[in-house]
Amino acid sequence: VAMAATRSVMRAVRVFEFGGPEVLKLQSDVLVPVPKENQVLIKVHACGVNPVETYIRSGTYARKPALPYTPGSDVAGVIESVGEHVTAFKKGDRVFTLETLSGGYAEYAVAAANRVFPLPDKLDFVQGAAIGVPYFTAYRALFQKGCAKAGESVLVHGASGGVGLAACQIARACGLKVLGTAGSEEGMNVILRNGAHQAFNHRDPNYTERIKECTGPGGVDIIIEMLSNVNLDADLQLLSRAGRVMVVGCRGRIEINPRDTMSKESSIIGVSLFLASEEERHECATAVLDGIEAGWLKPVVGLEYPLEKVAQAHKDIINSSGARGKMVLLL
């Protein structure tokens, strides 16, 4: 009897229980997944690390994957093979993803073909791993949920991380006045190089007064908020009439006075890329690919880690003193 072909194995990070960064286990004997119909297998060169992956890993997030699982969604690499009915890609194509089915912290990942996009030659794989979640989230926050228009002002609160820099680049390219905050001199310089007209240090005790001086009595039209559990109360004081705070990130609770929304008829709007419809994702993808082609979409990569150092990456993305671009794992 002919033996079935033995499936090859790969290195991948596995989570067997929810908990701290130490539950991330690098294993070298994980089976390489096989793409089914309308799926592709990608040889991963780099994978983005997002704060949401630390929340999911801890077990405190609304979404709990079945254990064990491999974290990671936005990878960049090369198509290794394609499942049935896939016509958009072939073996050898350079691609980046918005999400994967098998998990991105691995040498190979399976993704639905409609969540995979061509990676132009002008961007390397590390930059490719910094596109998916940050740019789609930033576009959704600004336009699909925030209804941003050219001529309006936007404050990106926590602008030096992956989503923040994406928001600065997109807003600037679309004709908004862009203000950004960061926690270090270096972070402020990064956001000024990436579309912000003005930068503020959110460690300066008077920084909100400085923002008010800059916006004048009118206030700011939109705030893209990465740390709403710290900033939401102050954000409501900075808004214009009919201004809106887009809640992109949150790490806990906060007390606010709802009257602050009444005095300006302002809005607090949650943003979740996970809830985007197929049409909305297509719109995000079109805008992102257009930005790459036009040249204003240039992913900024921050800290880079080998796969062995994944636990350290998870610690650093939550505890670092100030982001400077998108954190990426290298394979």
Foldseek 3Di string as FASTA:
>chain_A
DDDDDDFAWWWAWKAAAAAALVSTDIDGGHGQDDAAAQKFKFQFFKAFDDLVQRCQSNVNDPDHDPPIAGATFWTWGFTCQHHPPDDPDGGGFTKIFLGFDRYDLIRMTMHRNLRIDGDDPVDDRHLSNLPRPQLLQLCCLQPVVQVHAAPAEEEEEQQQESNNLNNQLLCQVRHYAYEYEWQDPLSQVLSVVRHHPYYFHPVPPCRLVVQCVVVDPQFHQEYEDAACQPCVQSNLVRHGQQHEYEYAHYDDHHDHDCVSCVVRVYYYHYTDPVPDDSVSSVVSVVSSVVCVVVPSDGFDEWAEAESVCSSVVNVCVVPPSIHRGIYMYGD
